[in-house]
Amino acid sequence: MFSMESYFHGLLAAAAAAALVWPLSVYLRNVSIVDSLWSLLFILQGLVYVYDATDHGALSLTDRQIALLAMLCIWGLRLSIYITWRNKGHGEDRRYQAIRARNEPNFALKSLYRVFLVQAVIAWIISLPLLGAALGAAPLGPLDALAALLWLIGFVFEAGGDWQLARFQANPANAGKVMDRGFWRYTRHPNYFGDCCVWWGFFAFAMSAGAWWSVLGPILMSVLLLRVSGVALLEKDIGERRPQYADYIRRTPAFFPGRPK
């Protein structure tokens, strides 16, 4: 079952949240805070979809809705807190500095629609599995167990990879070195691989409820992680900043974990 009305409510919620946070970025002169907002947009949309699906807030959540909100909140809150902690005291990310330079003058105003509302729309499209799972009335079954396992694998890779990298970077002896231990030994981007698994897990959860149409969400997320804002963007010039990275590329799979060469 697909509800355009509920889906539209998700868009309104994401756009409103982005617009409310935007003035803070203008005050701080730092649009990097949109990265902390990113995963919270999905939590907000998930809550909206469940609210619409339960007769506008009636306290009668299904097992699927409870599991969906639990997985969504665990993933989203952890990611937002980590990104906020990681970016604290570092100023605006160089990606956004480049966008700012290309869009002056009046970037402060332009960032509302070129950064914040664009992120809200992308999050809205990706959120399709959340809508499908929230609206689905089918009982939990074997595919849901597979979905939960896929989500768990993704969460472990993403959260574990972030934790391992944070510990590595906190050691002054590792300054300028390339992280190639733990999960990073088997994939150059365990956090992105994990994020991808999480969203295919959400899709499997929605698919079990009959929402095959929600496949566009994880497809878009996969394209972004592999070709746009993830692997491709991060590795565009990292070899120039870290000469050792060329050898790391030669012996380590880019995305899907595999045996090091």
Protein backbone atom coordinates (compact mmCIF):
# COMPACT_ATOMS: atom_id res chain seq x y z
CA MET A 1 0.00 0.00 0.00
CA PHE A 2 1.29 3.45 -0.92
CA SER A 3 -0.06 6.71 0.52
CA MET A 4 0.88 9.85 -1.39
CA GLU A 5 -0.62 11.95 1.40
CA SER A 6 1.60 10.39 4.05
CA TYR A 7 4.63 10.55 1.76
CA PHE A 8 3.95 14.25 1.17
CA HIS A 9 3.77 14.76 4.93
CA GLY A 10 7.28 13.27 5.12
CA LEU A 11 8.51 15.86 2.63
CA LEU A 12 6.93 18.71 4.57
CA ALA A 13 8.49 17.48 7.82
CA ALA A 14 11.97 17.14 6.31
CA ALA A 15 11.79 20.52 4.57
CA ALA A 16 10.54 22.24 7.73
CA ALA A 17 13.34 20.73 9.84
CA ALA A 18 15.95 21.78 7.26
CA ALA A 19 14.55 25.32 7.11
CA LEU A 20 14.55 25.61 10.91
CA VAL A 21 18.19 24.52 11.22
CA TRP A 22 19.40 26.70 8.32
CA PRO A 23 19.49 30.01 10.31
CA LEU A 24 21.91 28.41 12.78
CA SER A 25 24.29 27.63 9.90
CA VAL A 26 24.10 31.27 8.81
CA TYR A 27 24.92 32.44 12.33
CA LEU A 28 27.84 30.01 12.63
CA ARG A 29 28.94 30.49 9.01
CA ASN A 30 29.14 26.72 8.83
CA VAL A 31 26.75 24.66 6.71
CA SER A 32 28.49 21.44 7.82
CA ILE A 33 25.84 21.17 10.51
CA VAL A 34 23.56 19.78 7.80
CA ASP A 35 25.53 16.52 8.13
CA SER A 36 24.42 16.21 11.76
CA LEU A 37 20.84 16.85 10.65
CA TRP A 38 20.92 14.23 7.86
CA SER A 39 20.10 11.07 9.81
CA LEU A 40 17.67 12.95 12.06
CA LEU A 41 15.56 13.75 9.01
CA PHE A 42 14.90 10.03 8.56
CA ILE A 43 13.87 9.62 12.19
CA LEU A 44 11.46 12.52 11.78
CA GLN A 45 10.00 11.09 8.58
CA GLY A 46 9.70 7.62 10.12
CA LEU A 47 7.74 9.09 13.03
CA VAL A 48 5.47 10.96 10.60
CA TYR A 49 4.79 7.82 8.57
CA VAL A 50 4.00 5.74 11.65
CA TYR A 51 1.82 8.53 13.04
CA ASP A 52 -0.20 8.61 9.81
CA ALA A 53 -0.42 4.82 9.69
CA THR A 54 -1.75 4.50 13.25
CA ASP A 55 -4.81 6.69 12.89
CA HIS A 56 -2.82 9.81 13.72
CA GLY A 57 -1.13 8.82 16.91
CA ALA A 58 -3.34 6.10 18.35
CA LEU A 59 -1.28 3.98 20.74
CA SER A 60 -1.58 0.75 18.78
CA LEU A 61 1.75 0.21 17.04
CA THR A 62 2.31 -3.02 15.18
CA ASP A 63 5.39 -5.17 15.78
CA ARG A 64 6.76 -4.00 12.45
CA GLN A 65 6.34 -0.32 13.34
CA ILE A 66 7.98 -0.82 16.74
CA ALA A 67 10.94 -2.64 15.17
CA LEU A 68 11.22 -0.01 12.44
CA LEU A 69 11.33 2.90 14.87
CA ALA A 70 13.80 1.10 17.14
CA MET A 71 16.25 0.36 14.32
CA LEU A 72 15.77 3.80 12.81
CA CYS A 73 16.38 5.67 16.07
CA ILE A 74 19.42 3.57 17.03
CA TRP A 75 21.01 4.11 13.62
CA GLY A 76 20.03 7.77 13.22
CA LEU A 77 20.87 9.04 16.70
CA ARG A 78 24.22 7.25 16.77
CA LEU A 79 25.22 8.69 13.39
CA SER A 80 24.12 12.24 14.23
CA ILE A 81 25.90 12.24 17.59
CA TYR A 82 29.08 10.84 16.05
CA ILE A 83 29.18 13.37 13.21
CA THR A 84 28.51 16.26 15.61
CA TRP A 85 31.32 15.08 17.89
CA ARG A 86 33.69 14.50 14.97
CA ASN A 87 33.10 17.94 13.45
CA LYS A 88 33.27 19.89 16.71
CA GLY A 89 35.95 22.56 16.57
CA HIS A 90 36.97 21.83 12.97
CA GLY A 91 35.03 24.59 11.21
CA GLU A 92 33.28 24.16 7.90
CA ASP A 93 34.09 21.01 5.93
CA ARG A 94 36.19 21.60 2.81
CA ARG A 95 33.38 20.21 0.63
CA TYR A 96 31.08 22.98 1.78
CA GLN A 97 33.85 25.55 1.59
CA ALA A 98 34.13 24.73 -2.11
CA ILE A 99 30.36 25.07 -2.55
CA ARG A 100 30.46 28.38 -0.68
CA ALA A 101 33.25 29.71 -2.91
CA ARG A 102 31.31 28.78 -6.07
CA ASN A 103 28.12 30.45 -4.87
CA GLU A 104 29.26 33.77 -3.51
CA PRO A 105 27.93 36.40 -3.14
CA ASN A 106 24.86 35.73 -0.99
CA PHE A 107 25.76 32.13 -0.20
CA ALA A 108 24.04 32.49 3.18
CA LEU A 109 20.67 32.74 1.42
CA LYS A 110 21.53 30.31 -1.38
CA SER A 111 22.55 27.64 1.13
CA LEU A 112 18.91 27.35 2.21
CA TYR A 113 17.91 25.73 -1.07
CA ARG A 114 21.26 24.59 -2.47
CA VAL A 115 22.28 22.68 0.66
CA PHE A 116 19.52 22.29 3.24
CA LEU A 117 16.41 21.84 1.10
CA VAL A 118 18.31 19.68 -1.39
CA GLN A 119 19.32 17.38 1.46
CA ALA A 120 15.71 17.30 2.66
CA VAL A 121 14.42 16.26 -0.76
CA ILE A 122 17.09 13.57 -1.16
CA ALA A 123 16.29 12.22 2.32
CA TRP A 124 12.60 12.23 1.38
CA ILE A 125 13.19 10.05 -1.68
CA ILE A 126 15.44 7.67 0.25
CA SER A 127 12.82 7.37 3.01
CA LEU A 128 10.49 5.28 0.82
CA PRO A 129 11.29 2.00 2.67
CA LEU A 130 10.33 3.70 5.94
CA LEU A 131 6.96 4.60 4.45
CA GLY A 132 6.46 1.07 3.13
CA ALA A 133 7.34 -0.56 6.44
CA ALA A 134 5.19 1.86 8.44
CA LEU A 135 2.12 1.31 6.26
CA GLY A 136 2.51 -2.45 5.87
CA ALA A 137 0.00 -4.57 7.74
CA ALA A 138 1.59 -7.98 7.11
CA PRO A 139 2.89 -9.84 10.21
CA LEU A 140 6.62 -10.29 10.70
CA GLY A 141 8.08 -13.24 8.80
CA PRO A 142 11.35 -14.86 7.62
CA LEU A 143 12.22 -11.94 5.32
CA ASP A 144 12.03 -9.61 8.31
CA ALA A 145 14.61 -11.74 10.11
CA LEU A 146 16.90 -11.41 7.08
CA ALA A 147 16.24 -7.67 7.02
CA ALA A 148 17.17 -7.35 10.70
CA LEU A 149 20.37 -9.34 10.11
CA LEU A 150 21.33 -7.14 7.16
CA TRP A 151 20.62 -4.02 9.21
CA LEU A 152 22.72 -5.39 12.10
CA ILE A 153 25.67 -6.20 9.83
CA GLY A 154 25.48 -2.71 8.39
CA PHE A 155 25.25 -1.05 11.80
CA VAL A 156 28.25 -2.99 13.11
CA PHE A 157 30.36 -2.05 10.09
CA GLU A 158 29.31 1.60 10.20
CA ALA A 159 29.53 2.18 13.95
CA GLY A 160 32.55 -0.10 14.35
CA GLY A 161 34.40 1.53 11.47
CA ASP A 162 33.74 5.02 12.86
CA TRP A 163 34.92 3.95 16.33
CA GLN A 164 38.09 2.33 15.00
CA LEU A 165 38.93 5.37 12.88
CA ALA A 166 38.32 7.76 15.79
CA ARG A 167 40.70 5.79 18.01
CA PHE A 168 43.31 5.69 15.25
CA GLN A 169 43.13 9.44 14.64
CA ALA A 170 43.27 10.22 18.36
CA ASN A 171 46.78 8.76 18.55
CA PRO A 172 49.36 11.46 17.62
CA ALA A 173 51.72 8.72 16.38
CA ASN A 174 49.30 8.03 13.52
CA ALA A 175 49.38 11.57 12.12
CA GLY A 176 49.58 11.43 8.33
CA LYS A 177 49.22 7.64 8.26
CA VAL A 178 46.47 5.63 6.56
CA MET A 179 44.05 3.62 8.67
CA ASP A 180 44.30 0.00 7.51
CA ARG A 181 43.32 -1.99 10.59
CA GLY A 182 40.13 -3.64 11.82
CA PHE A 183 37.29 -3.27 9.34
CA TRP A 184 39.48 -0.87 7.34
CA ARG A 185 41.76 -3.77 6.46
CA TYR A 186 39.01 -5.41 4.41
CA THR A 187 37.30 -2.36 2.87
CA ARG A 188 38.45 1.21 2.41
CA HIS A 189 35.04 2.47 3.45
CA PRO A 190 33.44 0.22 6.09
CA ASN A 191 31.20 3.08 7.24
CA TYR A 192 29.76 3.61 3.76
CA PHE A 193 29.37 -0.13 3.20
CA GLY A 194 27.59 -0.37 6.54
CA ASP A 195 25.28 2.51 5.68
CA CYS A 196 24.39 0.80 2.42
CA CYS A 197 23.55 -2.45 4.23
CA VAL A 198 21.39 -0.60 6.73
CA TRP A 199 19.25 0.87 3.96
CA TRP A 200 18.92 -2.40 2.05
CA GLY A 201 17.88 -3.87 5.40
CA PHE A 202 15.15 -1.23 5.69
CA PHE A 203 14.07 -2.10 2.16
CA ALA A 204 13.88 -5.83 2.94
CA PHE A 205 11.78 -4.88 5.96
CA ALA A 206 9.43 -2.90 3.69
CA MET A 207 9.49 -5.61 1.01
CA SER A 208 8.25 -8.13 3.56
CA ALA A 209 5.24 -5.86 4.01
CA GLY A 210 4.64 -5.80 0.24
CA ALA A 211 6.25 -2.42 -0.47
CA TRP A 212 8.33 -3.47 -3.47
CA TRP A 213 7.95 0.06 -4.84
CA SER A 214 10.25 1.40 -2.11
CA VAL A 215 13.35 0.01 -3.86
CA LEU A 216 14.15 3.47 -5.24
CA GLY A 217 15.26 4.51 -1.73
CA PRO A 218 18.18 2.10 -1.25
CA ILE A 219 19.14 2.41 -4.93
CA LEU A 220 19.54 6.17 -4.56
CA MET A 221 21.44 5.76 -1.30
CA SER A 222 23.79 3.24 -2.94
CA VAL A 223 24.45 5.57 -5.89
CA LEU A 224 25.20 8.46 -3.53
CA LEU A 225 27.57 6.38 -1.42
CA LEU A 226 29.42 4.90 -4.39
CA ARG A 227 29.35 7.56 -7.09
CA VAL A 228 28.44 10.98 -5.67
CA SER A 229 29.04 12.09 -2.07
CA GLY A 230 30.69 8.97 -0.67
CA VAL A 231 33.55 6.91 -2.06
CA ALA A 232 34.06 8.89 -5.28
CA LEU A 233 34.16 12.29 -3.57
CA LEU A 234 36.35 11.22 -0.66
CA GLU A 235 38.94 9.54 -2.88
CA LYS A 236 39.00 12.30 -5.50
CA ASP A 237 42.09 13.98 -4.08
CA ILE A 238 43.02 11.94 -1.00
CA GLY A 239 46.04 10.52 -2.81
CA GLU A 240 47.49 14.02 -3.06
CA ARG A 241 46.99 14.63 0.65
CA ARG A 242 48.18 11.19 1.75
CA PRO A 243 50.78 9.57 -0.53
CA GLN A 244 50.45 6.21 1.29
CA TYR A 245 46.85 5.96 0.16
CA ALA A 246 47.85 4.76 -3.33
CA ASP A 247 49.28 1.57 -1.83
CA TYR A 248 46.20 1.21 0.36
CA ILE A 249 44.02 1.39 -2.77
CA ARG A 250 46.12 -1.28 -4.47
CA ARG A 251 45.68 -3.85 -1.73
CA THR A 252 42.26 -3.07 -0.21
CA PRO A 253 38.77 -3.44 -1.77
CA ALA A 254 37.03 -0.08 -2.22
CA PHE A 255 33.58 -0.87 -0.90
CA PHE A 256 32.52 -4.49 -0.46
CA PRO A 257 34.72 -6.24 2.14
CA GLY A 258 37.19 -8.72 0.76
CA ARG A 259 40.52 -10.35 1.37
CA PRO A 260 43.41 -7.84 1.23
CA LYS A 261 45.88 -8.35 -1.60
